[in-house]
Amino acid sequence: MDESRVYGQQHICCKVESCVYNDLRNGRCTLESITVQPNCDCHSGEAADECWCGDYKCKD
């Protein structure tokens, strides 16, 4: 098993600059875990169409 994929060893990278949890300096999410939720029931195979971070919060 690839050690980088073992539970508890993940790093959450983030490029969503508008999210309050994004550490812009390091490109990392500051949450310990995230919830990935379905975006639609479209089955397009494209990540942007099918899923999104359920923990996203817009910066004020």
PDB file of N, CA and C in Angstrom:
ATOM      1  N   MET A   1       0.841  -1.187   0.000  1.00  0.00           N
ATOM      2  CA  MET A   1       0.000   0.000   0.000  1.00  0.00           C
ATOM      3  C   MET A   1       0.885   1.249   0.000  1.00  0.00           C
ATOM      4  N   ASP A   2       0.540   2.235  -0.769  1.00  0.00           N
ATOM      5  CA  ASP A   2       1.263   3.501  -0.838  1.00  0.00           C
ATOM      6  C   ASP A   2       1.100   4.236   0.489  1.00  0.00           C
ATOM      7  N   GLU A   3       2.200   4.461   1.218  1.00  0.00           N
ATOM      8  CA  GLU A   3       2.150   5.083   2.544  1.00  0.00           C
ATOM      9  C   GLU A   3       1.516   6.470   2.518  1.00  0.00           C
ATOM     10  N   SER A   4       1.618   7.205   1.393  1.00  0.00           N
ATOM     11  CA  SER A   4       1.047   8.545   1.333  1.00  0.00           C
ATOM     12  C   SER A   4      -0.485   8.513   1.328  1.00  0.00           C
ATOM     13  N   ARG A   5      -1.065   7.342   1.129  1.00  0.00           N
ATOM     14  CA  ARG A   5      -2.522   7.224   1.088  1.00  0.00           C
ATOM     15  C   ARG A   5      -3.094   6.574   2.350  1.00  0.00           C
ATOM     16  N   VAL A   6      -2.270   6.301   3.324  1.00  0.00           N
ATOM     17  CA  VAL A   6      -2.724   5.677   4.555  1.00  0.00           C
ATOM     18  C   VAL A   6      -3.484   6.699   5.391  1.00  0.00           C
ATOM     19  N   TYR A   7      -4.631   6.299   5.947  1.00  0.00           N
ATOM     20  CA  TYR A   7      -5.435   7.179   6.783  1.00  0.00           C
ATOM     21  C   TYR A   7      -4.563   7.770   7.889  1.00  0.00           C
ATOM     22  N   GLY A   8      -4.669   9.062   8.091  1.00  0.00           N
ATOM     23  CA  GLY A   8      -3.898   9.740   9.112  1.00  0.00           C
ATOM     24  C   GLY A   8      -2.597  10.324   8.602  1.00  0.00           C
ATOM     25  N   GLN A   9      -2.233  10.020   7.386  1.00  0.00           N
ATOM     26  CA  GLN A   9      -0.995  10.522   6.800  1.00  0.00           C
ATOM     27  C   GLN A   9      -1.236  11.475   5.636  1.00  0.00           C
ATOM     28  N   GLN A  10      -2.504  11.782   5.365  1.00  0.00           N
ATOM     29  CA  GLN A  10      -2.818  12.639   4.233  1.00  0.00           C
ATOM     30  C   GLN A  10      -2.479  14.092   4.525  1.00  0.00           C
ATOM     31  N   HIS A  11      -2.242  14.812   3.456  1.00  0.00           N
ATOM     32  CA  HIS A  11      -2.107  16.258   3.506  1.00  0.00           C
ATOM     33  C   HIS A  11      -3.201  16.812   2.610  1.00  0.00           C
ATOM     34  N   ILE A  12      -3.926  17.784   3.098  1.00  0.00           N
ATOM     35  CA  ILE A  12      -5.015  18.363   2.321  1.00  0.00           C
ATOM     36  C   ILE A  12      -4.500  19.634   1.668  1.00  0.00           C
ATOM     37  N   CYS A  13      -4.271  19.561   0.373  1.00  0.00           N
ATOM     38  CA  CYS A  13      -3.830  20.727  -0.389  1.00  0.00           C
ATOM     39  C   CYS A  13      -5.060  21.474  -0.875  1.00  0.00           C
ATOM     40  N   CYS A  14      -4.955  22.795  -0.978  1.00  0.00           N
ATOM     41  CA  CYS A  14      -6.107  23.588  -1.389  1.00  0.00           C
ATOM     42  C   CYS A  14      -5.657  24.752  -2.260  1.00  0.00           C
ATOM     43  N   LYS A  15      -6.371  24.974  -3.337  1.00  0.00           N
ATOM     44  CA  LYS A  15      -6.106  26.091  -4.236  1.00  0.00           C
ATOM     45  C   LYS A  15      -7.276  27.068  -4.276  1.00  0.00           C
ATOM     46  N   VAL A  16      -8.248  26.889  -3.375  1.00  0.00           N
ATOM     47  CA  VAL A  16      -9.437  27.741  -3.340  1.00  0.00           C
ATOM     48  C   VAL A  16      -9.129  28.936  -2.443  1.00  0.00           C
ATOM     49  N   GLU A  17      -8.703  30.023  -3.041  1.00  0.00           N
ATOM     50  CA  GLU A  17      -8.260  31.188  -2.288  1.00  0.00           C
ATOM     51  C   GLU A  17      -9.372  31.857  -1.491  1.00  0.00           C
ATOM     52  N   SER A  18     -10.627  31.658  -1.876  1.00  0.00           N
ATOM     53  CA  SER A  18     -11.737  32.305  -1.177  1.00  0.00           C
ATOM     54  C   SER A  18     -12.175  31.553   0.072  1.00  0.00           C
ATOM     55  N   CYS A  19     -11.604  30.368   0.338  1.00  0.00           N
ATOM     56  CA  CYS A  19     -12.017  29.578   1.501  1.00  0.00           C
ATOM     57  C   CYS A  19     -11.273  30.020   2.755  1.00  0.00           C
ATOM     58  N   VAL A  20     -12.004  30.174   3.829  1.00  0.00           N
ATOM     59  CA  VAL A  20     -11.446  30.621   5.102  1.00  0.00           C
ATOM     60  C   VAL A  20     -10.421  29.626   5.656  1.00  0.00           C
ATOM     61  N   TYR A  21     -10.501  28.367   5.294  1.00  0.00           N
ATOM     62  CA  TYR A  21      -9.593  27.343   5.810  1.00  0.00           C
ATOM     63  C   TYR A  21      -8.300  27.216   4.995  1.00  0.00           C
ATOM     64  N   ASN A  22      -8.189  27.940   3.913  1.00  0.00           N
ATOM     65  CA  ASN A  22      -7.004  27.839   3.064  1.00  0.00           C
ATOM     66  C   ASN A  22      -5.864  28.678   3.636  1.00  0.00           C
ATOM     67  N   ASP A  23      -4.738  28.033   3.893  1.00  0.00           N
ATOM     68  CA  ASP A  23      -3.500  28.708   4.286  1.00  0.00           C
ATOM     69  C   ASP A  23      -2.802  29.075   2.981  1.00  0.00           C
ATOM     70  N   LEU A  24      -3.032  30.283   2.509  1.00  0.00           N
ATOM     71  CA  LEU A  24      -2.532  30.708   1.201  1.00  0.00           C
ATOM     72  C   LEU A  24      -1.021  30.589   1.081  1.00  0.00           C
ATOM     73  N   ARG A  25      -0.318  30.839   2.151  1.00  0.00           N
ATOM     74  CA  ARG A  25       1.143  30.796   2.111  1.00  0.00           C
ATOM     75  C   ARG A  25       1.659  29.402   1.775  1.00  0.00           C
ATOM     76  N   ASN A  26       0.990  28.385   2.320  1.00  0.00           N
ATOM     77  CA  ASN A  26       1.447  27.013   2.136  1.00  0.00           C
ATOM     78  C   ASN A  26       0.579  26.198   1.178  1.00  0.00           C
ATOM     79  N   GLY A  27      -0.541  26.767   0.723  1.00  0.00           N
ATOM     80  CA  GLY A  27      -1.428  26.032  -0.187  1.00  0.00           C
ATOM     81  C   GLY A  27      -2.057  24.824   0.482  1.00  0.00           C
ATOM     82  N   ARG A  28      -2.294  24.913   1.778  1.00  0.00           N
ATOM     83  CA  ARG A  28      -2.843  23.796   2.535  1.00  0.00           C
ATOM     84  C   ARG A  28      -4.160  24.173   3.200  1.00  0.00           C
ATOM     85  N   CYS A  29      -5.003  23.172   3.379  1.00  0.00           N
ATOM     86  CA  CYS A  29      -6.234  23.332   4.135  1.00  0.00           C
ATOM     87  C   CYS A  29      -5.884  23.194   5.614  1.00  0.00           C
ATOM     88  N   THR A  30      -6.404  24.077   6.455  1.00  0.00           N
ATOM     89  CA  THR A  30      -6.090  24.040   7.877  1.00  0.00           C
ATOM     90  C   THR A  30      -6.997  23.100   8.671  1.00  0.00           C
ATOM     91  N   LEU A  31      -7.990  22.492   8.020  1.00  0.00           N
ATOM     92  CA  LEU A  31      -8.835  21.506   8.685  1.00  0.00           C
ATOM     93  C   LEU A  31      -8.086  20.186   8.832  1.00  0.00           C
ATOM     94  N   GLU A  32      -8.394  19.418   9.867  1.00  0.00           N
ATOM     95  CA  GLU A  32      -7.782  18.102  10.039  1.00  0.00           C
ATOM     96  C   GLU A  32      -8.348  17.086   9.055  1.00  0.00           C
ATOM     97  N   SER A  33      -9.584  17.302   8.631  1.00  0.00           N
ATOM     98  CA  SER A  33     -10.224  16.420   7.657  1.00  0.00           C
ATOM     99  C   SER A  33     -11.262  17.235   6.898  1.00  0.00           C
ATOM    100  N   ILE A  34     -11.669  16.721   5.750  1.00  0.00           N
ATOM    101  CA  ILE A  34     -12.718  17.372   4.967  1.00  0.00           C
ATOM    102  C   ILE A  34     -13.788  16.348   4.603  1.00  0.00           C
ATOM    103  N   THR A  35     -14.954  16.850   4.271  1.00  0.00           N
ATOM    104  CA  THR A  35     -16.037  16.016   3.784  1.00  0.00           C
ATOM    105  C   THR A  35     -16.207  16.301   2.306  1.00  0.00           C
ATOM    106  N   VAL A  36     -16.034  15.279   1.479  1.00  0.00           N
ATOM    107  CA  VAL A  36     -16.236  15.427   0.037  1.00  0.00           C
ATOM    108  C   VAL A  36     -17.672  15.003  -0.246  1.00  0.00           C
ATOM    109  N   GLN A  37     -18.430  15.909  -0.864  1.00  0.00           N
ATOM    110  CA  GLN A  37     -19.841  15.652  -1.111  1.00  0.00           C
ATOM    111  C   GLN A  37     -20.131  15.626  -2.607  1.00  0.00           C
ATOM    112  N   PRO A  38     -21.170  14.881  -3.006  1.00  0.00           N
ATOM    113  CA  PRO A  38     -21.560  14.906  -4.408  1.00  0.00           C
ATOM    114  C   PRO A  38     -22.125  16.273  -4.775  1.00  0.00           C
ATOM    115  N   ASN A  39     -21.792  16.733  -5.941  1.00  0.00           N
ATOM    116  CA  ASN A  39     -22.267  18.021  -6.439  1.00  0.00           C
ATOM    117  C   ASN A  39     -23.575  17.854  -7.204  1.00  0.00           C
ATOM    118  N   CYS A  40     -23.683  16.763  -7.897  1.00  0.00           N
ATOM    119  CA  CYS A  40     -24.886  16.492  -8.679  1.00  0.00           C
ATOM    120  C   CYS A  40     -24.949  14.999  -8.958  1.00  0.00           C
ATOM    121  N   ASP A  41     -25.993  14.566  -9.584  1.00  0.00           N
ATOM    122  CA  ASP A  41     -26.129  13.157  -9.975  1.00  0.00           C
ATOM    123  C   ASP A  41     -25.879  13.046 -11.473  1.00  0.00           C
ATOM    124  N   CYS A  42     -24.752  13.643 -11.928  1.00  0.00           N
ATOM    125  CA  CYS A  42     -24.541  13.763 -13.364  1.00  0.00           C
ATOM    126  C   CYS A  42     -23.609  12.701 -13.950  1.00  0.00           C
ATOM    127  N   HIS A  43     -22.726  12.107 -13.142  1.00  0.00           N
ATOM    128  CA  HIS A  43     -21.828  11.039 -13.595  1.00  0.00           C
ATOM    129  C   HIS A  43     -21.045  11.410 -14.847  1.00  0.00           C
ATOM    130  N   SER A  44     -20.499  12.619 -14.880  1.00  0.00           N
ATOM    131  CA  SER A  44     -19.743  13.068 -16.054  1.00  0.00           C
ATOM    132  C   SER A  44     -18.296  12.588 -16.037  1.00  0.00           C
ATOM    133  N   GLY A  45     -17.813  12.215 -14.868  1.00  0.00           N
ATOM    134  CA  GLY A  45     -16.420  11.817 -14.749  1.00  0.00           C
ATOM    135  C   GLY A  45     -15.483  12.988 -14.500  1.00  0.00           C
ATOM    136  N   GLU A  46     -16.011  14.198 -14.488  1.00  0.00           N
ATOM    137  CA  GLU A  46     -15.215  15.402 -14.239  1.00  0.00           C
ATOM    138  C   GLU A  46     -15.356  15.798 -12.772  1.00  0.00           C
ATOM    139  N   ALA A  47     -14.226  15.965 -12.084  1.00  0.00           N
ATOM    140  CA  ALA A  47     -14.250  16.279 -10.655  1.00  0.00           C
ATOM    141  C   ALA A  47     -15.061  17.537 -10.354  1.00  0.00           C
ATOM    142  N   ALA A  48     -14.907  18.552 -11.170  1.00  0.00           N
ATOM    143  CA  ALA A  48     -15.619  19.818 -10.934  1.00  0.00           C
ATOM    144  C   ALA A  48     -17.127  19.656 -11.063  1.00  0.00           C
ATOM    145  N   ASP A  49     -17.565  18.691 -11.851  1.00  0.00           N
ATOM    146  CA  ASP A  49     -18.998  18.443 -12.026  1.00  0.00           C
ATOM    147  C   ASP A  49     -19.568  17.583 -10.899  1.00  0.00           C
ATOM    148  N   GLU A  50     -18.766  16.667 -10.391  1.00  0.00           N
ATOM    149  CA  GLU A  50     -19.296  15.615  -9.527  1.00  0.00           C
ATOM    150  C   GLU A  50     -19.120  15.812  -8.035  1.00  0.00           C
ATOM    151  N   CYS A  51     -18.102  16.544  -7.587  1.00  0.00           N
ATOM    152  CA  CYS A  51     -17.884  16.634  -6.149  1.00  0.00           C
ATOM    153  C   CYS A  51     -17.341  17.996  -5.737  1.00  0.00           C
ATOM    154  N   TRP A  52     -17.472  18.267  -4.435  1.00  0.00           N
ATOM    155  CA  TRP A  52     -16.986  19.519  -3.879  1.00  0.00           C
ATOM    156  C   TRP A  52     -16.704  19.326  -2.398  1.00  0.00           C
ATOM    157  N   CYS A  53     -15.974  20.237  -1.807  1.00  0.00           N
ATOM    158  CA  CYS A  53     -15.656  20.175  -0.380  1.00  0.00           C
ATOM    159  C   CYS A  53     -16.853  20.670   0.415  1.00  0.00           C
ATOM    160  N   GLY A  54     -17.425  19.814   1.217  1.00  0.00           N
ATOM    161  CA  GLY A  54     -18.589  20.164   2.008  1.00  0.00           C
ATOM    162  C   GLY A  54     -18.281  21.077   3.180  1.00  0.00           C
ATOM    163  N   ASP A  55     -17.011  21.292   3.482  1.00  0.00           N
ATOM    164  CA  ASP A  55     -16.612  22.127   4.603  1.00  0.00           C
ATOM    165  C   ASP A  55     -16.245  23.544   4.183  1.00  0.00           C
ATOM    166  N   TYR A  56     -16.364  23.852   2.902  1.00  0.00           N
ATOM    167  CA  TYR A  56     -15.993  25.165   2.384  1.00  0.00           C
ATOM    168  C   TYR A  56     -16.750  26.288   3.106  1.00  0.00           C
ATOM    169  N   LYS A  57     -16.007  27.322   3.493  1.00  0.00           N
ATOM    170  CA  LYS A  57     -16.605  28.539   4.034  1.00  0.00           C
ATOM    171  C   LYS A  57     -15.898  29.722   3.384  1.00  0.00           C
ATOM    172  N   CYS A  58     -16.678  30.630   2.845  1.00  0.00           N
ATOM    173  CA  CYS A  58     -16.126  31.800   2.179  1.00  0.00           C
ATOM    174  C   CYS A  58     -15.570  32.779   3.209  1.00  0.00           C
ATOM    175  N   LYS A  59     -14.431  33.363   2.875  1.00  0.00           N
ATOM    176  CA  LYS A  59     -13.853  34.381   3.754  1.00  0.00           C
ATOM    177  C   LYS A  59     -14.766  35.586   3.777  1.00  0.00           C
ATOM    178  N   ASP A  60     -14.848  36.264   4.910  1.00  0.00           N
ATOM    179  CA  ASP A  60     -15.664  37.473   5.031  1.00  0.00           C
ATOM    180  C   ASP A  60     -15.017  38.641   4.328  1.00  0.00           C
TER     181      ASP A  60
END
